[in-house]
């Protein structure tokens, strides 16, 4: 999996979880992760900066 997000300044790309291993990775720009998709996995949406009250359109599908 490749992380290639273009988010506004201050936003974090989110985190990717490998549940079977109990670990997560931050999805920084241009990060590549290799894993077996047959195991349980998931992630978070982009994370807004502290104090951001309005949902930015970049944070939703």
PDB file of N, CA and C in Angstrom:
ATOM      1  N   UNK A   1       0.841  -1.151   0.000  1.00  0.00           N
ATOM      2  CA  UNK A   1       0.000   0.000   0.000  1.00  0.00           C
ATOM      3  C   UNK A   1       0.896   1.226   0.000  1.00  0.00           C
ATOM      4  N   UNK A   2       0.500   2.265  -0.755  1.00  0.00           N
ATOM      5  CA  UNK A   2       1.256   3.521  -0.789  1.00  0.00           C
ATOM      6  C   UNK A   2       0.391   4.652  -0.256  1.00  0.00           C
ATOM      7  N   UNK A   3       0.991   5.513   0.547  1.00  0.00           N
ATOM      8  CA  UNK A   3       0.309   6.699   1.064  1.00  0.00           C
ATOM      9  C   UNK A   3       0.708   7.889   0.196  1.00  0.00           C
ATOM     10  N   UNK A   4      -0.268   8.461  -0.510  1.00  0.00           N
ATOM     11  CA  UNK A   4       0.008   9.567  -1.434  1.00  0.00           C
ATOM     12  C   UNK A   4      -0.993  10.707  -1.242  1.00  0.00           C
ATOM     13  N   UNK A   5      -1.380  10.993  -0.014  1.00  0.00           N
ATOM     14  CA  UNK A   5      -2.401  12.011   0.259  1.00  0.00           C
ATOM     15  C   UNK A   5      -1.886  13.421   0.000  1.00  0.00           C
ATOM     16  N   UNK A   6      -2.801  14.284  -0.425  1.00  0.00           N
ATOM     17  CA  UNK A   6      -2.522  15.720  -0.566  1.00  0.00           C
ATOM     18  C   UNK A   6      -3.497  16.440   0.351  1.00  0.00           C
ATOM     19  N   UNK A   7      -3.090  16.647   1.576  1.00  0.00           N
ATOM     20  CA  UNK A   7      -3.954  17.252   2.588  1.00  0.00           C
ATOM     21  C   UNK A   7      -3.504  18.673   2.894  1.00  0.00           C
ATOM     22  N   UNK A   8      -4.407  19.503   3.422  1.00  0.00           N
ATOM     23  CA  UNK A   8      -4.021  20.854   3.826  1.00  0.00           C
ATOM     24  C   UNK A   8      -2.970  20.817   4.941  1.00  0.00           C
ATOM     25  N   UNK A   9      -2.264  21.912   5.098  1.00  0.00           N
ATOM     26  CA  UNK A   9      -1.226  22.036   6.129  1.00  0.00           C
ATOM     27  C   UNK A   9      -1.807  21.720   7.502  1.00  0.00           C
ATOM     28  N   UNK A  10      -1.092  20.921   8.282  1.00  0.00           N
ATOM     29  CA  UNK A  10      -1.505  20.599   9.640  1.00  0.00           C
ATOM     30  C   UNK A  10      -2.284  19.302   9.765  1.00  0.00           C
ATOM     31  N   UNK A  11      -2.826  18.794   8.659  1.00  0.00           N
ATOM     32  CA  UNK A  11      -3.564  17.535   8.707  1.00  0.00           C
ATOM     33  C   UNK A  11      -2.591  16.363   8.692  1.00  0.00           C
ATOM     34  N   UNK A  12      -2.975  15.289   9.360  1.00  0.00           N
ATOM     35  CA  UNK A  12      -2.177  14.071   9.406  1.00  0.00           C
ATOM     36  C   UNK A  12      -2.861  13.035   8.513  1.00  0.00           C
ATOM     37  N   UNK A  13      -2.097  12.261   7.780  1.00  0.00           N
ATOM     38  CA  UNK A  13      -2.663  11.299   6.828  1.00  0.00           C
ATOM     39  C   UNK A  13      -3.455  10.173   7.476  1.00  0.00           C
ATOM     40  N   UNK A  14      -3.308   9.956   8.742  1.00  0.00           N
ATOM     41  CA  UNK A  14      -4.009   8.879   9.433  1.00  0.00           C
ATOM     42  C   UNK A  14      -3.051   7.756   9.802  1.00  0.00           C
ATOM     43  N   UNK A  15      -3.629   6.661  10.236  1.00  0.00           N
ATOM     44  CA  UNK A  15      -2.834   5.508  10.666  1.00  0.00           C
ATOM     45  C   UNK A  15      -3.402   4.237  10.050  1.00  0.00           C
ATOM     46  N   UNK A  16      -2.533   3.284   9.775  1.00  0.00           N
ATOM     47  CA  UNK A  16      -2.918   1.996   9.217  1.00  0.00           C
ATOM     48  C   UNK A  16      -2.614   0.929  10.253  1.00  0.00           C
ATOM     49  N   UNK A  17      -3.604   0.100  10.574  1.00  0.00           N
ATOM     50  CA  UNK A  17      -3.479  -0.888  11.645  1.00  0.00           C
ATOM     51  C   UNK A  17      -3.371  -2.304  11.079  1.00  0.00           C
ATOM     52  N   UNK A  18      -2.416  -3.056  11.605  1.00  0.00           N
ATOM     53  CA  UNK A  18      -2.316  -4.489  11.339  1.00  0.00           C
ATOM     54  C   UNK A  18      -2.746  -5.179  12.625  1.00  0.00           C
ATOM     55  N   UNK A  19      -4.018  -5.568  12.692  1.00  0.00           N
ATOM     56  CA  UNK A  19      -4.616  -6.031  13.937  1.00  0.00           C
ATOM     57  C   UNK A  19      -4.000  -7.328  14.449  1.00  0.00           C
ATOM     58  N   UNK A  20      -3.670  -8.255  13.557  1.00  0.00           N
ATOM     59  CA  UNK A  20      -3.108  -9.539  13.982  1.00  0.00           C
ATOM     60  C   UNK A  20      -1.758  -9.364  14.682  1.00  0.00           C
ATOM     61  N   UNK A  21      -1.003  -8.346  14.281  1.00  0.00           N
ATOM     62  CA  UNK A  21       0.311  -8.097  14.884  1.00  0.00           C
ATOM     63  C   UNK A  21       0.241  -7.112  16.040  1.00  0.00           C
ATOM     64  N   UNK A  22      -0.871  -6.379  16.164  1.00  0.00           N
ATOM     65  CA  UNK A  22      -1.005  -5.387  17.226  1.00  0.00           C
ATOM     66  C   UNK A  22      -0.141  -4.159  17.004  1.00  0.00           C
ATOM     67  N   UNK A  23       0.064  -3.776  15.746  1.00  0.00           N
ATOM     68  CA  UNK A  23       0.900  -2.611  15.436  1.00  0.00           C
ATOM     69  C   UNK A  23       0.152  -1.678  14.485  1.00  0.00           C
ATOM     70  N   UNK A  24       0.643  -0.447  14.392  1.00  0.00           N
ATOM     71  CA  UNK A  24       0.117   0.496  13.412  1.00  0.00           C
ATOM     72  C   UNK A  24       1.268   1.290  12.834  1.00  0.00           C
ATOM     73  N   UNK A  25       1.012   1.901  11.680  1.00  0.00           N
ATOM     74  CA  UNK A  25       2.003   2.757  11.029  1.00  0.00           C
ATOM     75  C   UNK A  25       1.338   4.075  10.678  1.00  0.00           C
ATOM     76  N   UNK A  26       2.067   5.172  10.864  1.00  0.00           N
ATOM     77  CA  UNK A  26       1.569   6.477  10.420  1.00  0.00           C
ATOM     78  C   UNK A  26       1.677   6.535   8.908  1.00  0.00           C
ATOM     79  N   UNK A  27       0.649   7.046   8.264  1.00  0.00           N
ATOM     80  CA  UNK A  27       0.639   7.135   6.804  1.00  0.00           C
ATOM     81  C   UNK A  27       1.208   8.467   6.351  1.00  0.00           C
ATOM     82  N   UNK A  28       2.507   8.613   6.452  1.00  0.00           N
ATOM     83  CA  UNK A  28       3.178   9.817   5.977  1.00  0.00           C
ATOM     84  C   UNK A  28       3.261   9.776   4.452  1.00  0.00           C
ATOM     85  N   UNK A  29       3.406  10.948   3.822  1.00  0.00           N
ATOM     86  CA  UNK A  29       3.460  11.026   2.360  1.00  0.00           C
ATOM     87  C   UNK A  29       4.600  10.174   1.813  1.00  0.00           C
ATOM     88  N   UNK A  30       4.301   9.414   0.783  1.00  0.00           N
ATOM     89  CA  UNK A  30       5.254   8.546   0.077  1.00  0.00           C
ATOM     90  C   UNK A  30       5.736   7.362   0.916  1.00  0.00           C
ATOM     91  N   UNK A  31       4.961   6.949   1.896  1.00  0.00           N
ATOM     92  CA  UNK A  31       5.315   5.758   2.664  1.00  0.00           C
ATOM     93  C   UNK A  31       4.721   4.540   1.958  1.00  0.00           C
ATOM     94  N   UNK A  32       5.482   3.452   1.903  1.00  0.00           N
ATOM     95  CA  UNK A  32       5.031   2.213   1.278  1.00  0.00           C
ATOM     96  C   UNK A  32       5.014   1.124   2.340  1.00  0.00           C
ATOM     97  N   UNK A  33       3.883   0.420   2.444  1.00  0.00           N
ATOM     98  CA  UNK A  33       3.748  -0.693   3.382  1.00  0.00           C
ATOM     99  C   UNK A  33       3.436  -1.958   2.595  1.00  0.00           C
ATOM    100  N   UNK A  34       4.088  -3.054   2.962  1.00  0.00           N
ATOM    101  CA  UNK A  34       3.831  -4.341   2.334  1.00  0.00           C
ATOM    102  C   UNK A  34       3.289  -5.266   3.413  1.00  0.00           C
ATOM    103  N   UNK A  35       2.112  -5.861   3.156  1.00  0.00           N
ATOM    104  CA  UNK A  35       1.487  -6.730   4.147  1.00  0.00           C
ATOM    105  C   UNK A  35       0.584  -7.723   3.428  1.00  0.00           C
ATOM    106  N   UNK A  36       0.157  -8.749   4.134  1.00  0.00           N
ATOM    107  CA  UNK A  36      -0.775  -9.733   3.587  1.00  0.00           C
ATOM    108  C   UNK A  36      -2.197  -9.250   3.856  1.00  0.00           C
ATOM    109  N   UNK A  37      -2.955  -8.999   2.816  1.00  0.00           N
ATOM    110  CA  UNK A  37      -4.311  -8.499   2.958  1.00  0.00           C
ATOM    111  C   UNK A  37      -5.303  -9.527   3.475  1.00  0.00           C
ATOM    112  N   UNK A  38      -4.885 -10.789   3.633  1.00  0.00           N
ATOM    113  CA  UNK A  38      -5.778 -11.810   4.166  1.00  0.00           C
ATOM    114  C   UNK A  38      -5.952 -11.677   5.675  1.00  0.00           C
ATOM    115  N   UNK A  39      -5.000 -11.027   6.345  1.00  0.00           N
ATOM    116  CA  UNK A  39      -5.107 -10.807   7.786  1.00  0.00           C
ATOM    117  C   UNK A  39      -5.933  -9.559   8.051  1.00  0.00           C
ATOM    118  N   UNK A  40      -6.478  -9.461   9.268  1.00  0.00           N
ATOM    119  CA  UNK A  40      -7.302  -8.300   9.614  1.00  0.00           C
ATOM    120  C   UNK A  40      -6.457  -7.031   9.614  1.00  0.00           C
ATOM    121  N   UNK A  41      -7.003  -5.998   8.956  1.00  0.00           N
ATOM    122  CA  UNK A  41      -6.316  -4.714   8.881  1.00  0.00           C
ATOM    123  C   UNK A  41      -7.361  -3.611   8.751  1.00  0.00           C
ATOM    124  N   UNK A  42      -6.949  -2.399   8.998  1.00  0.00           N
ATOM    125  CA  UNK A  42      -7.861  -1.258   8.911  1.00  0.00           C
ATOM    126  C   UNK A  42      -7.085   0.028   9.060  1.00  0.00           C
ATOM    127  N   UNK A  43      -7.813   1.128   9.145  1.00  0.00           N
ATOM    128  CA  UNK A  43      -7.132   2.409   9.260  1.00  0.00           C
ATOM    129  C   UNK A  43      -8.059   3.509   9.716  1.00  0.00           C
ATOM    130  N   UNK A  44      -7.488   4.685   9.878  1.00  0.00           N
ATOM    131  CA  UNK A  44      -8.249   5.856  10.284  1.00  0.00           C
ATOM    132  C   UNK A  44      -8.347   6.816   9.104  1.00  0.00           C
ATOM    133  N   UNK A  45      -9.326   7.707   9.131  1.00  0.00           N
ATOM    134  CA  UNK A  45      -9.362   8.769   8.122  1.00  0.00           C
ATOM    135  C   UNK A  45      -8.282   9.794   8.430  1.00  0.00           C
ATOM    136  N   UNK A  46      -8.074  10.780   7.575  1.00  0.00           N
ATOM    137  CA  UNK A  46      -7.133  11.854   7.902  1.00  0.00           C
ATOM    138  C   UNK A  46      -7.505  12.499   9.238  1.00  0.00           C
ATOM    139  N   UNK A  47      -6.490  12.920   9.986  1.00  0.00           N
ATOM    140  CA  UNK A  47      -6.693  13.487  11.319  1.00  0.00           C
ATOM    141  C   UNK A  47      -6.495  14.998  11.243  1.00  0.00           C
ATOM    142  N   UNK A  48      -7.518  15.731  11.688  1.00  0.00           N
ATOM    143  CA  UNK A  48      -7.485  17.195  11.642  1.00  0.00           C
ATOM    144  C   UNK A  48      -6.558  17.743  12.721  1.00  0.00           C
ATOM    145  N   UNK A  49      -6.027  18.942  12.522  1.00  0.00           N
ATOM    146  CA  UNK A  49      -5.182  19.560  13.544  1.00  0.00           C
ATOM    147  C   UNK A  49      -6.012  19.921  14.778  1.00  0.00           C
ATOM    148  N   UNK A  50      -5.359  20.053  15.934  1.00  0.00           N
ATOM    149  CA  UNK A  50      -6.078  20.420  17.155  1.00  0.00           C
ATOM    150  C   UNK A  50      -6.832  21.734  16.974  1.00  0.00           C
ATOM    151  N   UNK A  51      -8.060  21.780  17.473  1.00  0.00           N
ATOM    152  CA  UNK A  51      -8.858  22.992  17.406  1.00  0.00           C
ATOM    153  C   UNK A  51      -9.660  23.150  16.129  1.00  0.00           C
ATOM    154  N   UNK A  52      -9.507  22.247  15.180  1.00  0.00           N
ATOM    155  CA  UNK A  52     -10.259  22.319  13.919  1.00  0.00           C
ATOM    156  C   UNK A  52     -11.682  21.840  14.179  1.00  0.00           C
ATOM    157  N   UNK A  53     -12.678  22.708  14.065  1.00  0.00           N
ATOM    158  CA  UNK A  53     -14.060  22.353  14.362  1.00  0.00           C
ATOM    159  C   UNK A  53     -14.868  22.006  13.119  1.00  0.00           C
ATOM    160  N   UNK A  54     -14.550  22.607  11.992  1.00  0.00           N
ATOM    161  CA  UNK A  54     -15.284  22.359  10.756  1.00  0.00           C
ATOM    162  C   UNK A  54     -14.611  21.216  10.005  1.00  0.00           C
ATOM    163  N   UNK A  55     -15.410  20.262   9.536  1.00  0.00           N
ATOM    164  CA  UNK A  55     -14.854  19.141   8.784  1.00  0.00           C
ATOM    165  C   UNK A  55     -14.434  19.640   7.406  1.00  0.00           C
ATOM    166  N   UNK A  56     -13.163  19.480   7.112  1.00  0.00           N
ATOM    167  CA  UNK A  56     -12.622  19.886   5.820  1.00  0.00           C
ATOM    168  C   UNK A  56     -13.033  18.865   4.757  1.00  0.00           C
ATOM    169  N   UNK A  57     -13.366  19.277   3.536  1.00  0.00           N
ATOM    170  CA  UNK A  57     -13.771  18.330   2.494  1.00  0.00           C
ATOM    171  C   UNK A  57     -12.709  17.274   2.188  1.00  0.00           C
ATOM    172  N   UNK A  58     -11.442  17.526   2.507  1.00  0.00           N
ATOM    173  CA  UNK A  58     -10.383  16.546   2.267  1.00  0.00           C
ATOM    174  C   UNK A  58     -10.476  15.374   3.239  1.00  0.00           C
ATOM    175  N   UNK A  59     -11.229  15.534   4.323  1.00  0.00           N
ATOM    176  CA  UNK A  59     -11.277  14.516   5.366  1.00  0.00           C
ATOM    177  C   UNK A  59     -12.428  13.536   5.183  1.00  0.00           C
ATOM    178  N   UNK A  60     -13.244  13.702   4.166  1.00  0.00           N
ATOM    179  CA  UNK A  60     -14.377  12.802   3.941  1.00  0.00           C
ATOM    180  C   UNK A  60     -14.325  12.260   2.520  1.00  0.00           C
ATOM    181  N   UNK A  61     -14.993  11.141   2.315  1.00  0.00           N
ATOM    182  CA  UNK A  61     -15.039  10.549   0.974  1.00  0.00           C
ATOM    183  C   UNK A  61     -16.122  11.186   0.155  1.00  0.00           C
TER     184      UNK A  61
END
